[in-house]
């Protein structure tokens, strides 16, 4: 029976070796993904900082048209303080985000003033 014990020992050691080899491989892949994610996050942060420093590209005519459209919908005069893009043109619009945006915008009901009826 000495040969059977030797074969079982070799099988157990090779199993342990394979398990540690696979765990090392998984740890390497996770480290690689983390490194790639850190680079991606750093690139996004740099792009965001560059976008903040960039001059706005909206011209006066577009600003007047947007203000007029808002005044028509809301009825009355007011000042447009900020115009910002909600989604990047490169970003995909999902049904989930579209539904959320519709719900949010629908909750902001603007009532017309009594003298404009």
PDB file of N, CA and C in Angstrom:
ATOM      1  N   UNK A   1       0.805  -1.193   0.000  1.00  0.00           N
ATOM      2  CA  UNK A   1       0.000   0.000   0.000  1.00  0.00           C
ATOM      3  C   UNK A   1       0.852   1.263   0.000  1.00  0.00           C
ATOM      4  N   UNK A   2       2.153   1.127   0.045  1.00  0.00           N
ATOM      5  CA  UNK A   2       3.035   2.289   0.080  1.00  0.00           C
ATOM      6  C   UNK A   2       2.945   3.106  -1.186  1.00  0.00           C
ATOM      7  N   UNK A   3       2.710   2.436  -2.342  1.00  0.00           N
ATOM      8  CA  UNK A   3       2.605   3.136  -3.616  1.00  0.00           C
ATOM      9  C   UNK A   3       1.354   3.984  -3.701  1.00  0.00           C
ATOM     10  N   UNK A   4       0.277   3.502  -3.074  1.00  0.00           N
ATOM     11  CA  UNK A   4      -0.987   4.240  -3.095  1.00  0.00           C
ATOM     12  C   UNK A   4      -0.879   5.514  -2.271  1.00  0.00           C
ATOM     13  N   UNK A   5      -0.215   5.437  -1.131  1.00  0.00           N
ATOM     14  CA  UNK A   5      -0.015   6.635  -0.304  1.00  0.00           C
ATOM     15  C   UNK A   5       0.857   7.649  -1.017  1.00  0.00           C
ATOM     16  N   UNK A   6       1.863   7.173  -1.739  1.00  0.00           N
ATOM     17  CA  UNK A   6       2.751   8.075  -2.472  1.00  0.00           C
ATOM     18  C   UNK A   6       1.975   8.765  -3.596  1.00  0.00           C
ATOM     19  N   UNK A   7       1.128   8.020  -4.309  1.00  0.00           N
ATOM     20  CA  UNK A   7       0.325   8.607  -5.389  1.00  0.00           C
ATOM     21  C   UNK A   7      -0.674   9.628  -4.845  1.00  0.00           C
ATOM     22  N   UNK A   8      -1.281   9.333  -3.694  1.00  0.00           N
ATOM     23  CA  UNK A   8      -2.230  10.274  -3.092  1.00  0.00           C
ATOM     24  C   UNK A   8      -1.512  11.542  -2.632  1.00  0.00           C
ATOM     25  N   UNK A   9      -0.304  11.392  -2.117  1.00  0.00           N
ATOM     26  CA  UNK A   9       0.468  12.560  -1.695  1.00  0.00           C
ATOM     27  C   UNK A   9       0.828  13.444  -2.874  1.00  0.00           C
ATOM     28  N   UNK A  10       1.248  12.816  -3.973  1.00  0.00           N
ATOM     29  CA  UNK A  10       1.586  13.584  -5.178  1.00  0.00           C
ATOM     30  C   UNK A  10       0.337  14.275  -5.719  1.00  0.00           C
ATOM     31  N   UNK A  11      -0.775  13.570  -5.717  1.00  0.00           N
ATOM     32  CA  UNK A  11      -2.031  14.159  -6.187  1.00  0.00           C
ATOM     33  C   UNK A  11      -2.455  15.338  -5.302  1.00  0.00           C
ATOM     34  N   UNK A  12      -2.325  15.195  -3.997  1.00  0.00           N
ATOM     35  CA  UNK A  12      -2.687  16.276  -3.076  1.00  0.00           C
ATOM     36  C   UNK A  12      -1.766  17.480  -3.270  1.00  0.00           C
ATOM     37  N   UNK A  13      -0.469  17.266  -3.395  1.00  0.00           N
ATOM     38  CA  UNK A  13       0.475  18.369  -3.602  1.00  0.00           C
ATOM     39  C   UNK A  13       0.247  19.060  -4.944  1.00  0.00           C
ATOM     40  N   UNK A  14      -0.023  18.266  -5.988  1.00  0.00           N
ATOM     41  CA  UNK A  14      -0.276  18.887  -7.290  1.00  0.00           C
ATOM     42  C   UNK A  14      -1.592  19.667  -7.258  1.00  0.00           C
ATOM     43  N   UNK A  15      -2.597  19.183  -6.534  1.00  0.00           N
ATOM     44  CA  UNK A  15      -3.855  19.920  -6.390  1.00  0.00           C
ATOM     45  C   UNK A  15      -3.651  21.244  -5.672  1.00  0.00           C
ATOM     46  N   UNK A  16      -2.883  21.204  -4.597  1.00  0.00           N
ATOM     47  CA  UNK A  16      -2.585  22.439  -3.852  1.00  0.00           C
ATOM     48  C   UNK A  16      -1.809  23.413  -4.732  1.00  0.00           C
ATOM     49  N   UNK A  17      -0.846  22.896  -5.494  1.00  0.00           N
ATOM     50  CA  UNK A  17      -0.052  23.738  -6.390  1.00  0.00           C
ATOM     51  C   UNK A  17      -0.957  24.394  -7.442  1.00  0.00           C
ATOM     52  N   UNK A  18      -1.863  23.626  -8.032  1.00  0.00           N
ATOM     53  CA  UNK A  18      -2.765  24.173  -9.052  1.00  0.00           C
ATOM     54  C   UNK A  18      -3.685  25.235  -8.450  1.00  0.00           C
ATOM     55  N   UNK A  19      -4.193  24.984  -7.247  1.00  0.00           N
ATOM     56  CA  UNK A  19      -5.074  25.973  -6.592  1.00  0.00           C
ATOM     57  C   UNK A  19      -4.328  27.281  -6.366  1.00  0.00           C
ATOM     58  N   UNK A  20      -3.099  27.212  -5.838  1.00  0.00           N
ATOM     59  CA  UNK A  20      -2.332  28.436  -5.603  1.00  0.00           C
ATOM     60  C   UNK A  20      -1.935  29.110  -6.901  1.00  0.00           C
ATOM     61  N   UNK A  21      -1.677  28.335  -7.939  1.00  0.00           N
ATOM     62  CA  UNK A  21      -1.355  28.907  -9.240  1.00  0.00           C
ATOM     63  C   UNK A  21      -2.551  29.681  -9.799  1.00  0.00           C
ATOM     64  N   UNK A  22      -3.735  29.098  -9.699  1.00  0.00           N
ATOM     65  CA  UNK A  22      -4.944  29.773 -10.181  1.00  0.00           C
ATOM     66  C   UNK A  22      -5.248  31.013  -9.341  1.00  0.00           C
ATOM     67  N   UNK A  23      -5.078  30.922  -8.031  1.00  0.00           N
ATOM     68  CA  UNK A  23      -5.301  32.094  -7.165  1.00  0.00           C
ATOM     69  C   UNK A  23      -4.320  33.217  -7.504  1.00  0.00           C
ATOM     70  N   UNK A  24      -3.075  32.867  -7.785  1.00  0.00           N
ATOM     71  CA  UNK A  24      -2.086  33.872  -8.183  1.00  0.00           C
ATOM     72  C   UNK A  24      -2.481  34.514  -9.505  1.00  0.00           C
ATOM     73  N   UNK A  25      -2.965  33.705 -10.446  1.00  0.00           N
ATOM     74  CA  UNK A  25      -3.414  34.234 -11.725  1.00  0.00           C
ATOM     75  C   UNK A  25      -4.599  35.178 -11.542  1.00  0.00           C
ATOM     76  N   UNK A  26      -5.544  34.806 -10.712  1.00  0.00           N
ATOM     77  CA  UNK A  26      -6.709  35.668 -10.448  1.00  0.00           C
ATOM     78  C   UNK A  26      -6.259  36.969  -9.786  1.00  0.00           C
ATOM     79  N   UNK A  27      -5.340  36.903  -8.842  1.00  0.00           N
ATOM     80  CA  UNK A  27      -4.836  38.114  -8.179  1.00  0.00           C
ATOM     81  C   UNK A  27      -4.139  39.022  -9.188  1.00  0.00           C
ATOM     82  N   UNK A  28      -3.421  38.437 -10.129  1.00  0.00           N
ATOM     83  CA  UNK A  28      -2.754  39.229 -11.168  1.00  0.00           C
ATOM     84  C   UNK A  28      -3.750  39.926 -12.073  1.00  0.00           C
ATOM     85  N   UNK A  29      -4.802  39.225 -12.451  1.00  0.00           N
ATOM     86  CA  UNK A  29      -5.827  39.832 -13.313  1.00  0.00           C
ATOM     87  C   UNK A  29      -6.542  40.959 -12.575  1.00  0.00           C
ATOM     88  N   UNK A  30      -6.859  40.746 -11.310  1.00  0.00           N
ATOM     89  CA  UNK A  30      -7.518  41.793 -10.519  1.00  0.00           C
ATOM     90  C   UNK A  30      -6.603  43.011 -10.381  1.00  0.00           C
ATOM     91  N   UNK A  31      -5.306  42.787 -10.150  1.00  0.00           N
ATOM     92  CA  UNK A  31      -4.358  43.901 -10.052  1.00  0.00           C
ATOM     93  C   UNK A  31      -4.260  44.649 -11.376  1.00  0.00           C
ATOM     94  N   UNK A  32      -4.278  43.917 -12.487  1.00  0.00           N
ATOM     95  CA  UNK A  32      -4.234  44.560 -13.797  1.00  0.00           C
ATOM     96  C   UNK A  32      -5.475  45.414 -14.027  1.00  0.00           C
ATOM     97  N   UNK A  33      -6.659  44.883 -13.700  1.00  0.00           N
ATOM     98  CA  UNK A  33      -7.883  45.669 -13.852  1.00  0.00           C
ATOM     99  C   UNK A  33      -7.878  46.893 -12.949  1.00  0.00           C
ATOM    100  N   UNK A  34      -7.349  46.759 -11.752  1.00  0.00           N
ATOM    101  CA  UNK A  34      -7.286  47.903 -10.850  1.00  0.00           C
ATOM    102  C   UNK A  34      -6.374  48.983 -11.416  1.00  0.00           C
ATOM    103  N   UNK A  35      -5.241  48.562 -11.952  1.00  0.00           N
ATOM    104  CA  UNK A  35      -4.300  49.522 -12.536  1.00  0.00           C
ATOM    105  C   UNK A  35      -4.939  50.230 -13.733  1.00  0.00           C
ATOM    106  N   UNK A  36      -5.648  49.478 -14.583  1.00  0.00           N
ATOM    107  CA  UNK A  36      -6.337  50.086 -15.721  1.00  0.00           C
ATOM    108  C   UNK A  36      -7.434  51.038 -15.263  1.00  0.00           C
ATOM    109  N   UNK A  37      -8.165  50.657 -14.217  1.00  0.00           N
ATOM    110  CA  UNK A  37      -9.219  51.518 -13.695  1.00  0.00           C
ATOM    111  C   UNK A  37      -8.638  52.801 -13.101  1.00  0.00           C
ATOM    112  N   UNK A  38      -7.517  52.696 -12.397  1.00  0.00           N
ATOM    113  CA  UNK A  38      -6.882  53.894 -11.837  1.00  0.00           C
ATOM    114  C   UNK A  38      -6.457  54.844 -12.944  1.00  0.00           C
ATOM    115  N   UNK A  39      -5.908  54.290 -14.027  1.00  0.00           N
ATOM    116  CA  UNK A  39      -5.512  55.146 -15.161  1.00  0.00           C
ATOM    117  C   UNK A  39      -6.728  55.805 -15.789  1.00  0.00           C
ATOM    118  N   UNK A  40      -7.807  55.039 -15.929  1.00  0.00           N
ATOM    119  CA  UNK A  40      -9.027  55.570 -16.519  1.00  0.00           C
ATOM    120  C   UNK A  40      -9.607  56.675 -15.647  1.00  0.00           C
ATOM    121  N   UNK A  41      -9.637  56.466 -14.327  1.00  0.00           N
ATOM    122  CA  UNK A  41     -10.154  57.489 -13.404  1.00  0.00           C
ATOM    123  C   UNK A  41      -9.297  58.751 -13.457  1.00  0.00           C
ATOM    124  N   UNK A  42      -7.968  58.583 -13.535  1.00  0.00           N
ATOM    125  CA  UNK A  42      -7.072  59.740 -13.610  1.00  0.00           C
ATOM    126  C   UNK A  42      -7.300  60.510 -14.911  1.00  0.00           C
ATOM    127  N   UNK A  43      -7.489  59.791 -16.020  1.00  0.00           N
ATOM    128  CA  UNK A  43      -7.746  60.461 -17.293  1.00  0.00           C
ATOM    129  C   UNK A  43      -9.072  61.215 -17.251  1.00  0.00           C
ATOM    130  N   UNK A  44     -10.090  60.638 -16.626  1.00  0.00           N
ATOM    131  CA  UNK A  44     -11.377  61.332 -16.488  1.00  0.00           C
ATOM    132  C   UNK A  44     -11.236  62.580 -15.625  1.00  0.00           C
ATOM    133  N   UNK A  45     -10.449  62.483 -14.549  1.00  0.00           N
ATOM    134  CA  UNK A  45     -10.254  63.646 -13.675  1.00  0.00           C
ATOM    135  C   UNK A  45      -9.534  64.762 -14.430  1.00  0.00           C
ATOM    136  N   UNK A  46      -8.528  64.402 -15.222  1.00  0.00           N
ATOM    137  CA  UNK A  46      -7.821  65.415 -16.014  1.00  0.00           C
ATOM    138  C   UNK A  46      -8.756  66.052 -17.040  1.00  0.00           C
ATOM    139  N   UNK A  47      -9.590  65.249 -17.673  1.00  0.00           N
ATOM    140  CA  UNK A  47     -10.527  65.784 -18.663  1.00  0.00           C
ATOM    141  C   UNK A  47     -11.548  66.703 -17.997  1.00  0.00           C
ATOM    142  N   UNK A  48     -11.989  66.328 -16.798  1.00  0.00           N
ATOM    143  CA  UNK A  48     -12.953  67.158 -16.077  1.00  0.00           C
ATOM    144  C   UNK A  48     -12.331  68.491 -15.678  1.00  0.00           C
ATOM    145  N   UNK A  49     -11.080  68.471 -15.218  1.00  0.00           N
ATOM    146  CA  UNK A  49     -10.397  69.717 -14.866  1.00  0.00           C
ATOM    147  C   UNK A  49     -10.211  70.599 -16.089  1.00  0.00           C
ATOM    148  N   UNK A  50      -9.888  69.986 -17.228  1.00  0.00           N
ATOM    149  CA  UNK A  50      -9.713  70.754 -18.459  1.00  0.00           C
ATOM    150  C   UNK A  50     -11.044  71.352 -18.905  1.00  0.00           C
ATOM    151  N   UNK A  51     -12.141  70.628 -18.700  1.00  0.00           N
ATOM    152  CA  UNK A  51     -13.455  71.133 -19.093  1.00  0.00           C
ATOM    153  C   UNK A  51     -13.885  72.302 -18.224  1.00  0.00           C
ATOM    154  N   UNK A  52     -13.495  72.291 -16.951  1.00  0.00           N
ATOM    155  CA  UNK A  52     -13.856  73.393 -16.056  1.00  0.00           C
ATOM    156  C   UNK A  52     -13.124  74.665 -16.465  1.00  0.00           C
ATOM    157  N   UNK A  53     -11.872  74.518 -16.869  1.00  0.00           N
ATOM    158  CA  UNK A  53     -11.075  75.683 -17.257  1.00  0.00           C
ATOM    159  C   UNK A  53     -11.434  76.197 -18.649  1.00  0.00           C
ATOM    160  N   UNK A  54     -12.122  75.403 -19.441  1.00  0.00           N
ATOM    161  CA  UNK A  54     -12.457  75.770 -20.808  1.00  0.00           C
ATOM    162  C   UNK A  54     -13.548  76.842 -20.816  1.00  0.00           C
ATOM    163  N   UNK A  55     -13.442  77.764 -21.721  1.00  0.00           N
ATOM    164  CA  UNK A  55     -14.430  78.827 -21.865  1.00  0.00           C
ATOM    165  C   UNK A  55     -15.728  78.247 -22.413  1.00  0.00           C
ATOM    166  N   UNK A  56     -16.867  78.748 -21.937  1.00  0.00           N
ATOM    167  CA  UNK A  56     -18.136  78.263 -22.482  1.00  0.00           C
ATOM    168  C   UNK A  56     -18.251  78.622 -23.966  1.00  0.00           C
ATOM    169  N   UNK A  57     -18.872  77.756 -24.735  1.00  0.00           N
ATOM    170  CA  UNK A  57     -18.953  77.975 -26.178  1.00  0.00           C
ATOM    171  C   UNK A  57     -20.325  78.446 -26.626  1.00  0.00           C
ATOM    172  N   UNK A  58     -21.189  78.810 -25.697  1.00  0.00           N
ATOM    173  CA  UNK A  58     -22.520  79.276 -26.076  1.00  0.00           C
ATOM    174  C   UNK A  58     -22.433  80.755 -26.454  1.00  0.00           C
ATOM    175  N   UNK A  59     -23.033  81.106 -27.569  1.00  0.00           N
ATOM    176  CA  UNK A  59     -22.977  82.497 -27.998  1.00  0.00           C
ATOM    177  C   UNK A  59     -24.207  83.259 -27.494  1.00  0.00           C
ATOM    178  N   UNK A  60     -24.191  84.552 -27.674  1.00  0.00           N
ATOM    179  CA  UNK A  60     -25.256  85.405 -27.143  1.00  0.00           C
ATOM    180  C   UNK A  60     -26.596  85.122 -27.810  1.00  0.00           C
ATOM    181  N   UNK A  61     -26.584  84.834 -29.099  1.00  0.00           N
ATOM    182  CA  UNK A  61     -27.846  84.557 -29.811  1.00  0.00           C
ATOM    183  C   UNK A  61     -28.525  83.312 -29.256  1.00  0.00           C
ATOM    184  N   UNK A  62     -27.745  82.252 -29.044  1.00  0.00           N
ATOM    185  CA  UNK A  62     -28.307  81.025 -28.492  1.00  0.00           C
ATOM    186  C   UNK A  62     -28.849  81.265 -27.091  1.00  0.00           C
ATOM    187  N   UNK A  63     -28.142  82.039 -26.297  1.00  0.00           N
ATOM    188  CA  UNK A  63     -28.598  82.360 -24.948  1.00  0.00           C
ATOM    189  C   UNK A  63     -29.926  83.110 -24.969  1.00  0.00           C
ATOM    190  N   UNK A  64     -30.071  84.060 -25.879  1.00  0.00           N
ATOM    191  CA  UNK A  64     -31.321  84.825 -25.993  1.00  0.00           C
ATOM    192  C   UNK A  64     -32.465  83.913 -26.430  1.00  0.00           C
ATOM    193  N   UNK A  65     -32.200  83.005 -27.354  1.00  0.00           N
ATOM    194  CA  UNK A  65     -33.244  82.091 -27.824  1.00  0.00           C
ATOM    195  C   UNK A  65     -33.697  81.163 -26.700  1.00  0.00           C
ATOM    196  N   UNK A  66     -32.747  80.642 -25.924  1.00  0.00           N
ATOM    197  CA  UNK A  66     -33.106  79.772 -24.805  1.00  0.00           C
ATOM    198  C   UNK A  66     -33.899  80.541 -23.755  1.00  0.00           C
ATOM    199  N   UNK A  67     -33.473  81.768 -23.449  1.00  0.00           N
ATOM    200  CA  UNK A  67     -34.190  82.581 -22.468  1.00  0.00           C
ATOM    201  C   UNK A  67     -35.603  82.898 -22.956  1.00  0.00           C
ATOM    202  N   UNK A  68     -35.763  83.160 -24.251  1.00  0.00           N
ATOM    203  CA  UNK A  68     -37.093  83.450 -24.792  1.00  0.00           C
ATOM    204  C   UNK A  68     -37.986  82.212 -24.724  1.00  0.00           C
ATOM    205  N   UNK A  69     -37.433  81.053 -25.021  1.00  0.00           N
ATOM    206  CA  UNK A  69     -38.220  79.827 -24.940  1.00  0.00           C
ATOM    207  C   UNK A  69     -38.655  79.557 -23.501  1.00  0.00           C
ATOM    208  N   UNK A  70     -37.758  79.773 -22.552  1.00  0.00           N
ATOM    209  CA  UNK A  70     -38.104  79.584 -21.135  1.00  0.00           C
ATOM    210  C   UNK A  70     -39.169  80.579 -20.701  1.00  0.00           C
ATOM    211  N   UNK A  71     -39.048  81.815 -21.145  1.00  0.00           N
ATOM    212  CA  UNK A  71     -40.033  82.831 -20.779  1.00  0.00           C
ATOM    213  C   UNK A  71     -41.392  82.502 -21.376  1.00  0.00           C
ATOM    214  N   UNK A  72     -41.413  81.943 -22.569  1.00  0.00           N
ATOM    215  CA  UNK A  72     -42.681  81.566 -23.204  1.00  0.00           C
ATOM    216  C   UNK A  72     -43.351  80.442 -22.437  1.00  0.00           C
ATOM    217  N   UNK A  73     -42.574  79.451 -22.043  1.00  0.00           N
ATOM    218  CA  UNK A  73     -43.141  78.304 -21.335  1.00  0.00           C
ATOM    219  C   UNK A  73     -43.578  78.695 -19.930  1.00  0.00           C
ATOM    220  N   UNK A  74     -42.727  79.423 -19.207  1.00  0.00           N
ATOM    221  CA  UNK A  74     -43.017  79.742 -17.813  1.00  0.00           C
ATOM    222  C   UNK A  74     -43.895  80.983 -17.679  1.00  0.00           C
ATOM    223  N   UNK A  75     -43.894  81.822 -18.668  1.00  0.00           N
ATOM    224  CA  UNK A  75     -44.704  83.030 -18.621  1.00  0.00           C
ATOM    225  C   UNK A  75     -44.099  84.063 -17.684  1.00  0.00           C
ATOM    226  N   UNK A  76     -43.465  85.037 -18.210  1.00  0.00           N
ATOM    227  CA  UNK A  76     -42.880  86.094 -17.395  1.00  0.00           C
ATOM    228  C   UNK A  76     -41.408  86.298 -17.709  1.00  0.00           C
ATOM    229  N   UNK A  77     -40.821  87.232 -16.973  1.00  0.00           N
ATOM    230  CA  UNK A  77     -39.411  87.538 -17.191  1.00  0.00           C
ATOM    231  C   UNK A  77     -38.585  86.943 -16.068  1.00  0.00           C
ATOM    232  N   UNK A  78     -37.424  86.516 -16.402  1.00  0.00           N
ATOM    233  CA  UNK A  78     -36.492  85.998 -15.409  1.00  0.00           C
ATOM    234  C   UNK A  78     -35.114  85.954 -16.027  1.00  0.00           C
ATOM    235  N   UNK A  79     -34.134  85.647 -15.228  1.00  0.00           N
ATOM    236  CA  UNK A  79     -32.751  85.601 -15.686  1.00  0.00           C
ATOM    237  C   UNK A  79     -32.280  84.150 -15.773  1.00  0.00           C
ATOM    238  N   UNK A  80     -31.634  83.807 -16.874  1.00  0.00           N
ATOM    239  CA  UNK A  80     -31.029  82.480 -17.032  1.00  0.00           C
ATOM    240  C   UNK A  80     -29.644  82.560 -16.411  1.00  0.00           C
ATOM    241  N   UNK A  81     -29.450  81.824 -15.324  1.00  0.00           N
ATOM    242  CA  UNK A  81     -28.169  81.871 -14.608  1.00  0.00           C
ATOM    243  C   UNK A  81     -27.166  80.854 -15.119  1.00  0.00           C
ATOM    244  N   UNK A  82     -27.697  79.703 -15.537  1.00  0.00           N
ATOM    245  CA  UNK A  82     -26.766  78.650 -15.922  1.00  0.00           C
ATOM    246  C   UNK A  82     -27.423  77.759 -16.964  1.00  0.00           C
ATOM    247  N   UNK A  83     -26.635  77.392 -17.954  1.00  0.00           N
ATOM    248  CA  UNK A  83     -27.065  76.426 -18.956  1.00  0.00           C
ATOM    249  C   UNK A  83     -26.000  75.348 -18.975  1.00  0.00           C
ATOM    250  N   UNK A  84     -26.441  74.115 -18.786  1.00  0.00           N
ATOM    251  CA  UNK A  84     -25.468  73.021 -18.813  1.00  0.00           C
ATOM    252  C   UNK A  84     -26.062  71.827 -19.540  1.00  0.00           C
ATOM    253  N   UNK A  85     -25.199  71.080 -20.154  1.00  0.00           N
ATOM    254  CA  UNK A  85     -25.610  69.883 -20.877  1.00  0.00           C
ATOM    255  C   UNK A  85     -25.822  68.767 -19.875  1.00  0.00           C
ATOM    256  N   UNK A  86     -26.952  68.076 -19.975  1.00  0.00           N
ATOM    257  CA  UNK A  86     -27.238  66.984 -19.052  1.00  0.00           C
ATOM    258  C   UNK A  86     -26.457  65.735 -19.400  1.00  0.00           C
ATOM    259  N   UNK A  87     -26.359  65.414 -20.664  1.00  0.00           N
ATOM    260  CA  UNK A  87     -25.629  64.235 -21.087  1.00  0.00           C
ATOM    261  C   UNK A  87     -24.649  64.606 -22.184  1.00  0.00           C
ATOM    262  N   UNK A  88     -23.536  63.945 -22.170  1.00  0.00           N
ATOM    263  CA  UNK A  88     -22.559  64.129 -23.219  1.00  0.00           C
ATOM    264  C   UNK A  88     -23.117  63.546 -24.515  1.00  0.00           C
ATOM    265  N   UNK A  89     -22.792  64.136 -25.657  1.00  0.00           N
ATOM    266  CA  UNK A  89     -23.274  63.562 -26.915  1.00  0.00           C
ATOM    267  C   UNK A  89     -22.729  62.157 -27.152  1.00  0.00           C
ATOM    268  N   UNK A  90     -21.626  61.815 -26.523  1.00  0.00           N
ATOM    269  CA  UNK A  90     -21.035  60.488 -26.692  1.00  0.00           C
ATOM    270  C   UNK A  90     -21.667  59.453 -25.770  1.00  0.00           C
ATOM    271  N   UNK A  91     -22.390  59.897 -24.754  1.00  0.00           N
ATOM    272  CA  UNK A  91     -22.965  58.976 -23.777  1.00  0.00           C
ATOM    273  C   UNK A  91     -24.282  58.413 -24.285  1.00  0.00           C
ATOM    274  N   UNK A  92     -24.454  57.102 -24.116  1.00  0.00           N
ATOM    275  CA  UNK A  92     -25.691  56.459 -24.553  1.00  0.00           C
ATOM    276  C   UNK A  92     -26.819  56.793 -23.593  1.00  0.00           C
ATOM    277  N   UNK A  93     -27.992  56.982 -24.143  1.00  0.00           N
ATOM    278  CA  UNK A  93     -29.168  57.226 -23.323  1.00  0.00           C
ATOM    279  C   UNK A  93     -29.898  55.906 -23.142  1.00  0.00           C
ATOM    280  N   UNK A  94     -30.085  55.532 -21.921  1.00  0.00           N
ATOM    281  CA  UNK A  94     -30.768  54.273 -21.633  1.00  0.00           C
ATOM    282  C   UNK A  94     -32.224  54.567 -21.277  1.00  0.00           C
ATOM    283  N   UNK A  95     -33.094  53.604 -21.459  1.00  0.00           N
ATOM    284  CA  UNK A  95     -34.494  53.820 -21.054  1.00  0.00           C
ATOM    285  C   UNK A  95     -34.621  54.144 -19.569  1.00  0.00           C
ATOM    286  N   UNK A  96     -33.732  53.580 -18.756  1.00  0.00           N
ATOM    287  CA  UNK A  96     -33.761  53.833 -17.316  1.00  0.00           C
ATOM    288  C   UNK A  96     -33.506  55.320 -17.032  1.00  0.00           C
ATOM    289  N   UNK A  97     -32.461  55.876 -17.635  1.00  0.00           N
ATOM    290  CA  UNK A  97     -32.144  57.286 -17.384  1.00  0.00           C
ATOM    291  C   UNK A  97     -33.191  58.204 -18.005  1.00  0.00           C
ATOM    292  N   UNK A  98     -33.724  57.833 -19.159  1.00  0.00           N
ATOM    293  CA  UNK A  98     -34.748  58.665 -19.789  1.00  0.00           C
ATOM    294  C   UNK A  98     -36.012  58.714 -18.936  1.00  0.00           C
ATOM    295  N   UNK A  99     -36.427  57.567 -18.397  1.00  0.00           N
ATOM    296  CA  UNK A  99     -37.616  57.537 -17.546  1.00  0.00           C
ATOM    297  C   UNK A  99     -37.397  58.350 -16.273  1.00  0.00           C
ATOM    298  N   UNK A 100     -36.217  58.233 -15.686  1.00  0.00           N
ATOM    299  CA  UNK A 100     -35.910  59.014 -14.491  1.00  0.00           C
ATOM    300  C   UNK A 100     -35.930  60.500 -14.763  1.00  0.00           C
ATOM    301  N   UNK A 101     -35.382  60.890 -15.912  1.00  0.00           N
ATOM    302  CA  UNK A 101     -35.372  62.309 -16.264  1.00  0.00           C
ATOM    303  C   UNK A 101     -36.794  62.814 -16.512  1.00  0.00           C
ATOM    304  N   UNK A 102     -37.629  62.006 -17.181  1.00  0.00           N
ATOM    305  CA  UNK A 102     -39.014  62.409 -17.416  1.00  0.00           C
ATOM    306  C   UNK A 102     -39.782  62.554 -16.105  1.00  0.00           C
ATOM    307  N   UNK A 103     -39.552  61.636 -15.181  1.00  0.00           N
ATOM    308  CA  UNK A 103     -40.222  61.724 -13.881  1.00  0.00           C
ATOM    309  C   UNK A 103     -39.794  62.987 -13.139  1.00  0.00           C
ATOM    310  N   UNK A 104     -38.513  63.270 -13.163  1.00  0.00           N
ATOM    311  CA  UNK A 104     -37.994  64.457 -12.480  1.00  0.00           C
ATOM    312  C   UNK A 104     -38.537  65.732 -13.108  1.00  0.00           C
ATOM    313  N   UNK A 105     -38.527  65.798 -14.433  1.00  0.00           N
ATOM    314  CA  UNK A 105     -39.017  67.002 -15.097  1.00  0.00           C
ATOM    315  C   UNK A 105     -40.526  67.150 -14.941  1.00  0.00           C
ATOM    316  N   UNK A 106     -41.232  66.039 -14.872  1.00  0.00           N
ATOM    317  CA  UNK A 106     -42.679  66.107 -14.694  1.00  0.00           C
ATOM    318  C   UNK A 106     -43.076  66.574 -13.311  1.00  0.00           C
ATOM    319  N   UNK A 107     -42.180  66.411 -12.345  1.00  0.00           N
ATOM    320  CA  UNK A 107     -42.504  66.850 -10.990  1.00  0.00           C
ATOM    321  C   UNK A 107     -42.359  68.358 -10.820  1.00  0.00           C
ATOM    322  N   UNK A 108     -41.715  69.022 -11.765  1.00  0.00           N
ATOM    323  CA  UNK A 108     -41.542  70.475 -11.703  1.00  0.00           C
ATOM    324  C   UNK A 108     -42.635  71.147 -12.528  1.00  0.00           C
ATOM    325  N   UNK A 109     -43.803  71.244 -11.961  1.00  0.00           N
ATOM    326  CA  UNK A 109     -44.938  71.845 -12.655  1.00  0.00           C
ATOM    327  C   UNK A 109     -44.887  73.351 -12.462  1.00  0.00           C
ATOM    328  N   UNK A 110     -44.904  74.057 -13.571  1.00  0.00           N
ATOM    329  CA  UNK A 110     -44.892  75.522 -13.511  1.00  0.00           C
ATOM    330  C   UNK A 110     -46.302  76.000 -13.829  1.00  0.00           C
ATOM    331  N   UNK A 111     -46.920  76.650 -12.867  1.00  0.00           N
ATOM    332  CA  UNK A 111     -48.278  77.146 -13.083  1.00  0.00           C
ATOM    333  C   UNK A 111     -48.198  78.543 -13.695  1.00  0.00           C
ATOM    334  N   UNK A 112     -49.110  78.792 -14.594  1.00  0.00           N
ATOM    335  CA  UNK A 112     -49.167  80.112 -15.219  1.00  0.00           C
ATOM    336  C   UNK A 112     -49.765  81.124 -14.234  1.00  0.00           C
ATOM    337  N   UNK A 113     -49.311  82.325 -14.341  1.00  0.00           N
ATOM    338  CA  UNK A 113     -49.854  83.339 -13.445  1.00  0.00           C
ATOM    339  C   UNK A 113     -51.294  83.666 -13.836  1.00  0.00           C
ATOM    340  N   UNK A 114     -52.068  84.171 -12.910  1.00  0.00           N
ATOM    341  CA  UNK A 114     -53.505  84.388 -13.109  1.00  0.00           C
ATOM    342  C   UNK A 114     -53.785  85.485 -14.123  1.00  0.00           C
ATOM    343  N   UNK A 115     -52.920  86.480 -14.245  1.00  0.00           N
ATOM    344  CA  UNK A 115     -53.200  87.586 -15.148  1.00  0.00           C
ATOM    345  C   UNK A 115     -52.902  87.229 -16.620  1.00  0.00           C
ATOM    346  N   UNK A 116     -52.249  86.083 -16.908  1.00  0.00           N
ATOM    347  CA  UNK A 116     -51.955  85.695 -18.291  1.00  0.00           C
ATOM    348  C   UNK A 116     -53.018  84.782 -18.882  1.00  0.00           C
ATOM    349  N   UNK A 117     -54.068  84.427 -18.159  1.00  0.00           N
ATOM    350  CA  UNK A 117     -55.084  83.486 -18.659  1.00  0.00           C
ATOM    351  C   UNK A 117     -56.040  84.124 -19.578  1.00  0.00           C
TER     352      UNK A 117
END
